[in-house]
Every structure is written in C-alpha cells, then in structure tokens.
C-alpha cells in the first residue's frame, strides 16, 4: 500500500489543481483510500474538491490521450 504523501492537507481546495492531480490516476479516476493513505473524512473532502474542479473545467472528466 503506497501512500502518496506523509502529511496531506487537511482540507483540499478545488482551486489547487496541482495537489488534486496527484490523487487522480492516468484514466482520470480518483485514487482509492488504500492508495492515497487518507482518512475517510479527507478522502470525502478530496472527492468533493475534485468534482468541483471538474465542474469548473479546471480538471478533465476523463484523461485525454
């Protein structure tokens, strides 16, 4: 189980695209808790931030190949 970061941010901001991209795989899917190493609350916050960023076209819905 690989963790991405030792001290992840407690609150994810949808405008911080660089941080959010680290938690998205090559197919544009949000990485599961087992890979991110986040708590359940942090994972939910991450998902909401990614979905907001996608809605505002800051992140793609699917990966462009």
Protein backbone atom coordinates (compact mmCIF):
# COMPACT_ATOMS: atom_id res chain seq x y z
CA UNK A 1 0.00 0.00 0.00
CA UNK A 2 1.72 3.08 -1.27
CA UNK A 3 0.96 6.37 0.37
CA UNK A 4 1.27 9.46 -1.76
CA UNK A 5 2.12 11.94 0.97
CA UNK A 6 3.04 11.73 4.64
CA UNK A 7 1.27 14.93 5.70
CA UNK A 8 -1.59 15.56 3.26
CA UNK A 9 -3.57 18.78 3.54
CA UNK A 10 -6.49 18.52 5.96
CA UNK A 11 -8.77 20.49 3.65
CA UNK A 12 -8.48 20.18 -0.12
CA UNK A 13 -9.11 23.29 -2.20
CA UNK A 14 -10.69 22.84 -5.63
CA UNK A 15 -8.53 25.70 -6.98
CA UNK A 16 -5.31 23.89 -6.06
CA UNK A 17 -5.19 21.78 -9.22
CA UNK A 18 -1.59 20.66 -8.81
CA UNK A 19 -2.35 18.97 -5.49
CA UNK A 20 -5.57 17.40 -6.77
CA UNK A 21 -3.84 15.93 -9.83
CA UNK A 22 -1.62 13.86 -7.55
CA UNK A 23 -4.69 11.95 -6.38
CA UNK A 24 -6.03 11.17 -9.89
CA UNK A 25 -4.77 8.18 -11.89
CA UNK A 26 -3.91 8.19 -15.61
CA UNK A 27 -7.51 7.34 -16.51
CA UNK A 28 -8.88 10.40 -14.68
CA UNK A 29 -10.27 8.41 -11.76
CA UNK A 30 -9.90 9.37 -8.10
CA UNK A 31 -7.45 7.04 -6.36
CA UNK A 32 -8.92 4.82 -3.61
CA UNK A 33 -8.18 5.23 0.11
CA UNK A 34 -5.87 2.22 0.00
CA UNK A 35 -3.57 4.08 -2.40
CA UNK A 36 -3.89 7.63 -1.07
CA UNK A 37 -3.48 6.76 2.60
CA UNK A 38 -6.01 9.42 3.60
CA UNK A 39 -8.61 9.17 6.32
CA UNK A 40 -12.25 8.73 5.30
CA UNK A 41 -13.02 12.38 6.04
CA UNK A 42 -10.03 13.56 3.98
CA UNK A 43 -10.98 11.23 1.12
CA UNK A 44 -14.51 12.67 1.03
CA UNK A 45 -13.10 16.20 1.07
CA UNK A 46 -10.74 15.24 -1.77
CA UNK A 47 -13.59 13.79 -3.84
CA UNK A 48 -15.71 16.92 -3.40
CA UNK A 49 -12.79 19.18 -4.37
CA UNK A 50 -12.01 17.11 -7.48
CA UNK A 51 -15.65 17.08 -8.55
CA UNK A 52 -15.90 20.86 -8.11
CA UNK A 53 -12.69 21.37 -10.10
CA UNK A 54 -14.05 19.13 -12.88
CA UNK A 55 -17.33 21.06 -12.95
CA UNK A 56 -15.42 24.34 -13.38
CA UNK A 57 -13.21 22.77 -16.10
CA UNK A 58 -10.06 23.02 -14.00
CA UNK A 59 -9.63 19.23 -14.26
CA UNK A 60 -10.77 16.94 -17.09
CA UNK A 61 -13.58 14.44 -16.56
CA UNK A 62 -11.60 11.79 -18.46
CA UNK A 63 -7.94 11.62 -19.32
CA UNK A 64 -7.05 12.93 -22.77
CA UNK A 65 -4.84 10.55 -24.71
